[in-house]
Amino acid sequence: MKYGQLIVDKKEQGLLLRSIANAHSIEDASYAASLKKLKLELLTAKILESQKMPQDVIRFNSEITITTSGGSEQSFQIVIPEKSDITNRKISILSPMALALFGYAQGDILEWVFPSGIKNIAIIDVRQPQ
């Protein structure tokens, strides 16, 4: 991990926790595990004011490019659930991929359990919209 722990914007921490709390009746075991893992990681995350957030850390509205252990490259933006639009490459913060990446930085490589199994993810690029 580039920064040694997750880094989360103080304002976004509350929004993220509310979004997780509102994700009711999750029947998919790997999805429920993703939510639980992120909640645990948030307990030890470094919480910063917005102006002190590093530009290469994944947060709400970040535009990200990753590669997975399968070799595929993907680019997308993480948004609040209401703005999710897969055809425009906007994924909900409550999707397994966004849950896995939130708070990590460009250059980080992580392992996460998805519905399709365990995957390694390399974060190639992180951009913050202006």
Protein backbone atom coordinates (compact mmCIF):
# COMPACT_ATOMS: atom_id res chain seq x y z
CA MET A 1 0.00 0.00 0.00
CA LYS A 2 1.45 3.33 -1.09
CA TYR A 3 0.37 5.20 2.05
CA GLY A 4 0.36 2.22 4.43
CA GLN A 5 -3.39 2.45 5.07
CA LEU A 6 -6.60 3.60 3.42
CA ILE A 7 -6.94 7.35 3.07
CA VAL A 8 -10.47 8.76 3.21
CA ASP A 9 -11.87 12.28 2.94
CA LYS A 10 -13.59 13.21 6.21
CA LYS A 11 -16.79 14.35 4.44
CA GLU A 12 -16.85 11.25 2.24
CA GLN A 13 -16.40 8.90 5.20
CA GLY A 14 -19.87 9.78 6.50
CA LEU A 15 -21.44 9.47 3.05
CA LEU A 16 -19.77 6.11 2.52
CA LEU A 17 -20.87 4.76 5.90
CA ARG A 18 -24.45 5.90 5.26
CA SER A 19 -24.42 4.25 1.83
CA ILE A 20 -23.15 1.00 3.36
CA ALA A 21 -25.74 1.16 6.17
CA ASN A 22 -28.52 1.64 3.60
CA ALA A 23 -27.47 -1.47 1.62
CA HIS A 24 -30.16 -3.73 3.08
CA SER A 25 -30.87 -7.43 2.59
CA ILE A 26 -27.69 -8.47 0.86
CA GLU A 27 -28.04 -12.09 -0.16
CA ASP A 28 -24.80 -12.50 -2.11
CA ALA A 29 -22.16 -13.76 0.35
CA SER A 30 -19.16 -12.26 -1.47
CA TYR A 31 -20.89 -8.87 -1.74
CA ALA A 32 -21.72 -8.94 1.97
CA ALA A 33 -18.08 -9.87 2.67
CA SER A 34 -16.92 -6.90 0.56
CA LEU A 35 -19.08 -4.53 2.60
CA LYS A 36 -17.82 -6.01 5.85
CA LYS A 37 -14.17 -5.84 4.77
CA LEU A 38 -14.45 -2.18 3.77
CA LYS A 39 -16.18 -1.31 7.05
CA LEU A 40 -13.29 -2.95 8.93
CA GLU A 41 -10.69 -1.15 6.80
CA LEU A 42 -12.43 2.16 7.51
CA LEU A 43 -11.81 1.65 11.24
CA THR A 44 -8.05 2.02 10.65
CA ALA A 45 -8.20 4.45 7.72
CA LYS A 46 -6.44 7.79 7.85
CA ILE A 47 -9.15 10.45 7.71
CA LEU A 48 -8.15 13.77 6.12
CA GLU A 49 -9.78 17.09 5.37
CA SER A 50 -10.63 17.52 1.66
CA GLN A 51 -7.84 19.98 0.95
CA LYS A 52 -5.23 17.56 2.35
CA MET A 53 -6.34 14.55 0.29
CA PRO A 54 -3.65 13.22 -2.08
CA GLN A 55 -4.82 13.49 -5.70
CA ASP A 56 -3.95 9.85 -6.42
CA VAL A 57 -6.30 8.36 -3.78
CA ILE A 58 -9.59 6.82 -4.95
CA ARG A 59 -12.68 8.55 -3.62
CA PHE A 60 -16.14 9.59 -4.77
CA ASN A 61 -16.10 10.73 -8.41
CA SER A 62 -12.54 9.50 -9.03
CA GLU A 63 -11.85 8.33 -12.57
CA ILE A 64 -9.82 5.14 -12.38
CA THR A 65 -7.94 2.79 -14.67
CA ILE A 66 -7.11 -0.68 -13.35
CA THR A 67 -5.90 -4.04 -14.56
CA THR A 68 -7.05 -7.32 -13.04
CA SER A 69 -5.24 -10.61 -12.60
CA GLY A 70 -7.03 -11.81 -15.73
CA GLY A 71 -5.14 -9.18 -17.71
CA SER A 72 -8.09 -6.99 -18.62
CA GLU A 73 -7.86 -3.19 -18.34
CA GLN A 74 -10.90 -1.20 -17.27
CA SER A 75 -11.60 2.50 -16.77
CA PHE A 76 -14.58 3.87 -14.85
CA GLN A 77 -15.74 6.50 -12.38
CA ILE A 78 -17.00 5.80 -8.84
CA VAL A 79 -20.25 7.61 -8.08
CA ILE A 80 -23.08 7.62 -5.55
CA PRO A 81 -25.63 4.84 -6.22
CA GLU A 82 -28.18 7.24 -7.73
CA LYS A 83 -25.72 8.33 -10.45
CA SER A 84 -24.64 4.84 -11.43
CA ASP A 85 -24.73 4.34 -15.22
CA ILE A 86 -22.73 1.39 -16.51
CA THR A 87 -23.12 2.45 -20.16
CA ASN A 88 -21.21 5.65 -19.31
CA ARG A 89 -18.69 3.74 -17.16
CA LYS A 90 -20.04 5.15 -13.87
CA ILE A 91 -20.19 2.51 -11.16
CA SER A 92 -21.89 2.75 -7.79
CA ILE A 93 -19.78 3.01 -4.67
CA LEU A 94 -21.77 -0.04 -3.51
CA SER A 95 -20.54 -2.23 -6.39
CA PRO A 96 -17.98 -4.88 -5.38
CA MET A 97 -15.28 -3.20 -7.51
CA ALA A 98 -15.78 0.25 -5.98
CA LEU A 99 -15.91 -1.20 -2.47
CA ALA A 100 -12.60 -2.92 -3.15
CA LEU A 101 -10.84 0.21 -4.45
CA PHE A 102 -12.10 3.03 -2.23
CA GLY A 103 -9.27 4.68 -0.28
CA TYR A 104 -6.44 2.97 -2.19
CA ALA A 105 -3.99 4.93 -4.36
CA GLN A 106 -2.47 4.83 -7.82
CA GLY A 107 0.23 2.16 -7.86
CA ASP A 108 -1.41 0.00 -5.19
CA ILE A 109 -2.05 -3.68 -5.87
CA LEU A 110 -4.71 -5.42 -3.82
CA GLU A 111 -6.48 -8.74 -3.56
CA TRP A 112 -10.26 -8.83 -3.15
CA VAL A 113 -12.96 -11.50 -3.16
CA PHE A 114 -15.56 -10.89 -5.88
CA PRO A 115 -18.63 -12.95 -6.80
CA SER A 116 -16.46 -14.54 -9.53
CA GLY A 117 -13.65 -15.36 -7.09
CA ILE A 118 -10.44 -13.78 -5.78
CA LYS A 119 -8.81 -11.20 -8.05
CA ASN A 120 -5.66 -9.12 -7.88
CA ILE A 121 -6.20 -5.52 -8.94
CA ALA A 122 -3.47 -3.08 -9.96
CA ILE A 123 -4.44 0.58 -9.86
CA ILE A 124 -2.86 2.13 -12.96
CA ASP A 125 -4.26 5.66 -12.90
CA VAL A 126 -6.43 7.85 -10.65
CA ARG A 127 -7.80 11.22 -11.75
CA GLN A 128 -9.98 13.66 -9.82
CA PRO A 129 -12.47 15.59 -11.95
CA GLN A 130 -12.13 19.35 -11.69
